[in-house]
Amino acid sequence: MAKTLELQFLNVEGKTVKVIVDSPIEPVDPVAISAAMDSILTANIFVTSGGEFVSKKGARIVERNMTEVGLS
């Protein structure tokens, strides 16, 4: 099972944009996640087609089950 941490932000246009972190350390620390998101906003290093990130929207852990399909 693959897990990712999805950090959700709003850009200037009010659209949701995501930063994905593979294999997050568990259990996740909401305070550390919020602080990291604040650092991302302060650094202003990401710009999307809808403008720069302007606020935090949320964060979530996403789990995916993957099964390889054998091809013959």
N, C-alpha and C. Protein backbone atom coordinates (compact mmCIF):
# COMPACT_ATOMS: atom_id res chain seq x y z
N MET A 1 0.85 -1.17 0.00
CA MET A 1 0.00 0.00 0.00
C MET A 1 0.90 1.24 0.00
N ALA A 2 0.69 2.10 -0.95
CA ALA A 2 1.47 3.34 -1.07
C ALA A 2 0.71 4.48 -0.39
N LYS A 3 1.44 5.26 0.40
CA LYS A 3 0.84 6.41 1.07
C LYS A 3 1.56 7.67 0.64
N THR A 4 0.79 8.73 0.51
CA THR A 4 1.35 10.05 0.23
C THR A 4 0.69 11.06 1.16
N LEU A 5 1.40 12.13 1.41
CA LEU A 5 0.86 13.26 2.16
C LEU A 5 0.56 14.33 1.14
N GLU A 6 -0.68 14.76 1.11
CA GLU A 6 -1.12 15.76 0.14
C GLU A 6 -1.34 17.09 0.87
N LEU A 7 -0.50 18.06 0.55
CA LEU A 7 -0.64 19.41 1.13
C LEU A 7 -1.45 20.25 0.15
N GLN A 8 -2.55 20.78 0.61
CA GLN A 8 -3.44 21.54 -0.26
C GLN A 8 -3.36 23.03 0.06
N PHE A 9 -3.19 23.81 -0.99
CA PHE A 9 -3.10 25.28 -0.87
C PHE A 9 -4.12 25.91 -1.82
N LEU A 10 -4.43 27.16 -1.59
CA LEU A 10 -5.22 27.95 -2.53
C LEU A 10 -4.29 28.93 -3.21
N ASN A 11 -4.50 29.11 -4.53
CA ASN A 11 -3.68 30.10 -5.25
C ASN A 11 -4.45 31.41 -5.38
N VAL A 12 -3.87 32.37 -6.07
CA VAL A 12 -4.47 33.70 -6.22
C VAL A 12 -5.89 33.62 -6.79
N GLU A 13 -6.13 32.69 -7.72
CA GLU A 13 -7.46 32.54 -8.33
C GLU A 13 -8.44 31.78 -7.46
N GLY A 14 -7.99 31.33 -6.27
CA GLY A 14 -8.88 30.58 -5.38
C GLY A 14 -8.98 29.11 -5.73
N LYS A 15 -8.11 28.63 -6.60
CA LYS A 15 -8.12 27.23 -6.98
C LYS A 15 -7.20 26.42 -6.07
N THR A 16 -7.56 25.16 -5.86
CA THR A 16 -6.76 24.27 -5.03
C THR A 16 -5.57 23.75 -5.81
N VAL A 17 -4.40 23.83 -5.21
CA VAL A 17 -3.18 23.26 -5.78
C VAL A 17 -2.56 22.36 -4.70
N LYS A 18 -1.87 21.32 -5.15
CA LYS A 18 -1.36 20.31 -4.21
C LYS A 18 0.14 20.13 -4.33
N VAL A 19 0.75 19.88 -3.20
CA VAL A 19 2.14 19.45 -3.13
C VAL A 19 2.09 18.06 -2.52
N ILE A 20 2.66 17.07 -3.22
CA ILE A 20 2.58 15.68 -2.78
C ILE A 20 3.93 15.25 -2.20
N VAL A 21 3.88 14.62 -1.03
CA VAL A 21 5.08 14.09 -0.37
C VAL A 21 4.92 12.57 -0.29
N ASP A 22 5.84 11.84 -0.92
CA ASP A 22 5.80 10.37 -0.90
C ASP A 22 6.27 9.84 0.45
N SER A 23 5.69 8.73 0.86
CA SER A 23 6.10 7.99 2.07
C SER A 23 6.30 8.89 3.29
N PRO A 24 5.24 9.56 3.74
CA PRO A 24 5.38 10.44 4.90
C PRO A 24 5.69 9.66 6.17
N ILE A 25 6.37 10.31 7.11
CA ILE A 25 6.65 9.69 8.40
C ILE A 25 5.35 9.62 9.18
N GLU A 26 5.09 8.45 9.74
CA GLU A 26 3.86 8.28 10.52
C GLU A 26 4.20 7.94 11.95
N PRO A 27 3.38 8.32 12.90
CA PRO A 27 2.15 9.10 12.67
C PRO A 27 2.50 10.53 12.29
N VAL A 28 1.64 11.13 11.48
CA VAL A 28 1.90 12.50 11.03
C VAL A 28 1.69 13.46 12.20
N ASP A 29 2.43 14.55 12.18
CA ASP A 29 2.36 15.57 13.22
C ASP A 29 1.68 16.80 12.61
N PRO A 30 0.41 17.04 12.95
CA PRO A 30 -0.32 18.17 12.37
C PRO A 30 0.37 19.52 12.60
N VAL A 31 1.03 19.70 13.73
CA VAL A 31 1.72 20.97 14.02
C VAL A 31 2.90 21.14 13.07
N ALA A 32 3.66 20.06 12.85
CA ALA A 32 4.80 20.12 11.93
C ALA A 32 4.34 20.34 10.50
N ILE A 33 3.24 19.70 10.12
CA ILE A 33 2.71 19.89 8.76
C ILE A 33 2.28 21.33 8.56
N SER A 34 1.57 21.90 9.53
CA SER A 34 1.13 23.29 9.42
C SER A 34 2.33 24.23 9.33
N ALA A 35 3.37 23.96 10.14
CA ALA A 35 4.57 24.80 10.10
C ALA A 35 5.27 24.70 8.75
N ALA A 36 5.34 23.48 8.20
CA ALA A 36 5.96 23.29 6.88
C ALA A 36 5.17 24.04 5.80
N MET A 37 3.85 23.98 5.89
CA MET A 37 3.02 24.69 4.92
C MET A 37 3.20 26.20 5.05
N ASP A 38 3.33 26.69 6.29
CA ASP A 38 3.60 28.12 6.49
C ASP A 38 4.93 28.51 5.85
N SER A 39 5.94 27.63 5.99
CA SER A 39 7.26 27.90 5.39
C SER A 39 7.16 27.96 3.87
N ILE A 40 6.37 27.07 3.29
CA ILE A 40 6.18 27.07 1.83
C ILE A 40 5.53 28.38 1.39
N LEU A 41 4.52 28.82 2.14
CA LEU A 41 3.85 30.09 1.80
C LEU A 41 4.81 31.27 1.94
N THR A 42 5.59 31.29 3.01
CA THR A 42 6.51 32.39 3.26
C THR A 42 7.61 32.45 2.20
N ALA A 43 8.12 31.27 1.80
CA ALA A 43 9.20 31.21 0.81
C ALA A 43 8.71 31.61 -0.58
N ASN A 44 7.39 31.44 -0.83
CA ASN A 44 6.79 31.82 -2.10
C ASN A 44 7.57 31.24 -3.30
N ILE A 45 7.85 29.94 -3.24
CA ILE A 45 8.67 29.31 -4.29
C ILE A 45 7.85 28.64 -5.39
N PHE A 46 6.55 28.49 -5.18
CA PHE A 46 5.72 27.84 -6.18
C PHE A 46 4.79 28.86 -6.83
N VAL A 47 4.69 28.79 -8.14
CA VAL A 47 3.76 29.62 -8.88
C VAL A 47 3.02 28.71 -9.85
N THR A 48 1.71 28.82 -9.88
CA THR A 48 0.89 28.01 -10.78
C THR A 48 0.33 28.89 -11.88
N SER A 49 -0.38 28.29 -12.81
CA SER A 49 -1.01 29.08 -13.87
C SER A 49 -2.05 30.04 -13.28
N GLY A 50 -2.53 29.73 -12.06
CA GLY A 50 -3.50 30.59 -11.38
C GLY A 50 -2.85 31.52 -10.38
N GLY A 51 -1.53 31.64 -10.44
CA GLY A 51 -0.82 32.55 -9.53
C GLY A 51 -0.15 31.81 -8.40
N GLU A 52 0.45 32.59 -7.51
CA GLU A 52 1.19 32.00 -6.39
C GLU A 52 0.25 31.45 -5.33
N PHE A 53 0.81 30.64 -4.43
CA PHE A 53 0.05 30.11 -3.30
C PHE A 53 -0.24 31.26 -2.34
N VAL A 54 -1.48 31.34 -1.84
CA VAL A 54 -1.82 32.43 -0.93
C VAL A 54 -2.29 31.96 0.44
N SER A 55 -2.76 30.72 0.56
CA SER A 55 -3.22 30.24 1.86
C SER A 55 -3.26 28.72 1.91
N LYS A 56 -3.30 28.20 3.14
CA LYS A 56 -3.43 26.76 3.36
C LYS A 56 -4.90 26.38 3.22
N LYS A 57 -5.16 25.24 2.61
CA LYS A 57 -6.52 24.73 2.53
C LYS A 57 -6.68 23.51 3.42
N GLY A 58 -5.67 22.61 3.40
CA GLY A 58 -5.76 21.40 4.21
C GLY A 58 -4.63 20.46 3.89
N ALA A 59 -4.65 19.33 4.57
CA ALA A 59 -3.66 18.28 4.34
C ALA A 59 -4.34 16.95 4.59
N ARG A 60 -3.89 15.93 3.86
CA ARG A 60 -4.48 14.61 4.07
C ARG A 60 -3.50 13.52 3.65
N ILE A 61 -3.68 12.36 4.27
CA ILE A 61 -2.92 11.18 3.88
C ILE A 61 -3.77 10.43 2.86
N VAL A 62 -3.15 10.06 1.75
CA VAL A 62 -3.84 9.32 0.70
C VAL A 62 -3.19 7.94 0.61
N GLU A 63 -4.01 6.89 0.68
CA GLU A 63 -3.53 5.52 0.56
C GLU A 63 -4.03 4.93 -0.75
N ARG A 64 -3.12 4.21 -1.42
CA ARG A 64 -3.51 3.54 -2.67
C ARG A 64 -3.07 2.09 -2.60
N ASN A 65 -3.96 1.22 -3.00
CA ASN A 65 -3.60 -0.19 -3.15
C ASN A 65 -3.24 -0.42 -4.60
N MET A 66 -2.09 -1.06 -4.82
CA MET A 66 -1.65 -1.33 -6.18
C MET A 66 -1.41 -2.83 -6.34
N THR A 67 -1.88 -3.36 -7.43
CA THR A 67 -1.65 -4.76 -7.76
C THR A 67 -1.07 -4.83 -9.15
N GLU A 68 0.10 -5.45 -9.26
CA GLU A 68 0.72 -5.62 -10.58
C GLU A 68 -0.09 -6.61 -11.40
N VAL A 69 -0.23 -6.32 -12.65
CA VAL A 69 -0.93 -7.20 -13.58
C VAL A 69 0.12 -7.83 -14.48
N GLY A 70 0.20 -9.15 -14.43
CA GLY A 70 1.16 -9.85 -15.26
C GLY A 70 0.69 -9.90 -16.71
N LEU A 71 1.55 -9.50 -17.61
CA LEU A 71 1.21 -9.52 -19.03
C LEU A 71 1.83 -10.75 -19.67
N SER A 72 1.06 -11.39 -20.53
CA SER A 72 1.62 -12.58 -21.18
C SER A 72 1.92 -12.33 -22.63
